[in-house]
Amino acid sequence: NKEVYYAPALPDLGEALAKTTMAKDVDATISAFAPPHPQYQALKATLAKLRASDGKPLPHIAEGPTLKVGQRDPRVLTL
């Protein structure tokens, strides 16, 4: 049973700082460093909704075995 490990490609910090300080649109420059995947954008949008939920509790995810890619489990809907 092997675990999947993905080492993300991190930007060079000096280059990132230089790009950001020289940018006309700092917000867009910083956003360009985020993953481009739609799933990432969906997670960010959901997190923003949860943070703006006025103190409502976060959804509870039931205990269970570790979820694997492609596995079907009722907890996936909560996630």
Protein backbone atom coordinates (compact mmCIF):
# COMPACT_ATOMS: atom_id res chain seq x y z
CA ASN A 1 0.00 0.00 0.00
CA LYS A 2 2.01 2.96 -1.28
CA GLU A 3 1.12 6.55 -0.49
CA VAL A 4 1.16 9.15 -3.21
CA TYR A 5 3.62 11.96 -2.65
CA TYR A 6 3.77 14.97 -4.89
CA ALA A 7 6.53 17.51 -4.36
CA PRO A 8 5.14 20.82 -5.62
CA ALA A 9 7.33 23.04 -7.74
CA LEU A 10 7.88 26.09 -5.57
CA PRO A 11 8.80 29.43 -7.10
CA ASP A 12 12.17 30.97 -6.43
CA LEU A 13 11.45 33.34 -3.52
CA GLY A 14 13.79 36.07 -4.75
CA GLU A 15 12.23 36.00 -8.20
CA ALA A 16 8.72 35.98 -6.72
CA LEU A 17 9.51 38.97 -4.52
CA ALA A 18 11.06 40.85 -7.43
CA LYS A 19 8.03 40.16 -9.66
CA THR A 20 5.64 41.24 -6.92
CA THR A 21 7.44 44.46 -6.05
CA MET A 22 7.71 45.46 -9.72
CA ALA A 23 4.14 44.53 -10.62
CA LYS A 24 1.51 47.08 -11.57
CA ASP A 25 -1.20 44.69 -10.34
CA VAL A 26 0.19 43.07 -7.19
CA ASP A 27 -2.97 41.02 -6.53
CA ALA A 28 -2.89 39.46 -10.00
CA THR A 29 0.84 38.77 -9.69
CA ILE A 30 0.41 36.98 -6.37
CA SER A 31 -2.60 35.06 -7.70
CA ALA A 32 -0.49 33.81 -10.61
CA PHE A 33 1.56 31.76 -8.13
CA ALA A 34 -1.52 29.71 -7.10
CA PRO A 35 -2.27 26.36 -8.73
CA PRO A 36 -4.26 26.84 -11.96
CA HIS A 37 -6.54 23.85 -11.42
CA PRO A 38 -10.34 24.37 -11.21
CA GLN A 39 -10.42 22.10 -8.16
CA TYR A 40 -8.11 24.50 -6.31
CA GLN A 41 -10.32 27.45 -7.21
CA ALA A 42 -13.40 25.52 -6.00
CA LEU A 43 -11.67 24.75 -2.69
CA LYS A 44 -10.76 28.41 -2.25
CA ALA A 45 -14.35 29.49 -2.96
CA THR A 46 -15.72 26.96 -0.47
CA LEU A 47 -13.23 28.05 2.18
CA ALA A 48 -14.28 31.68 1.67
CA LYS A 49 -17.94 30.68 2.16
CA LEU A 50 -17.09 28.76 5.32
CA ARG A 51 -15.11 31.69 6.72
CA ALA A 52 -18.03 34.03 6.00
CA SER A 53 -20.59 31.73 7.64
CA ASP A 54 -21.02 34.01 10.68
CA GLY A 55 -19.83 31.48 13.22
CA LYS A 56 -21.88 28.58 11.94
CA PRO A 57 -20.13 25.29 12.71
CA LEU A 58 -18.03 23.64 10.06
CA PRO A 59 -19.41 20.40 8.63
CA HIS A 60 -18.49 17.30 10.62
CA ILE A 61 -16.67 14.59 8.72
CA ALA A 62 -17.37 11.16 10.19
CA GLU A 63 -14.52 8.98 11.39
CA GLY A 64 -13.40 6.19 9.12
CA PRO A 65 -10.49 4.70 7.24
CA THR A 66 -8.26 6.91 5.14
CA LEU A 67 -9.89 7.78 1.83
CA LYS A 68 -8.07 6.74 -1.32
CA VAL A 69 -8.24 8.15 -4.84
CA GLY A 70 -11.24 6.73 -6.66
CA GLN A 71 -12.80 5.30 -3.51
CA ARG A 72 -16.55 5.69 -2.93
CA ASP A 73 -17.54 6.72 0.56
CA PRO A 74 -20.38 8.86 2.00
CA ARG A 75 -17.76 11.16 3.60
CA VAL A 76 -16.65 12.34 0.15
CA LEU A 77 -19.86 14.36 -0.21
CA THR A 78 -19.15 16.16 3.06
CA LEU A 79 -15.63 16.97 1.91
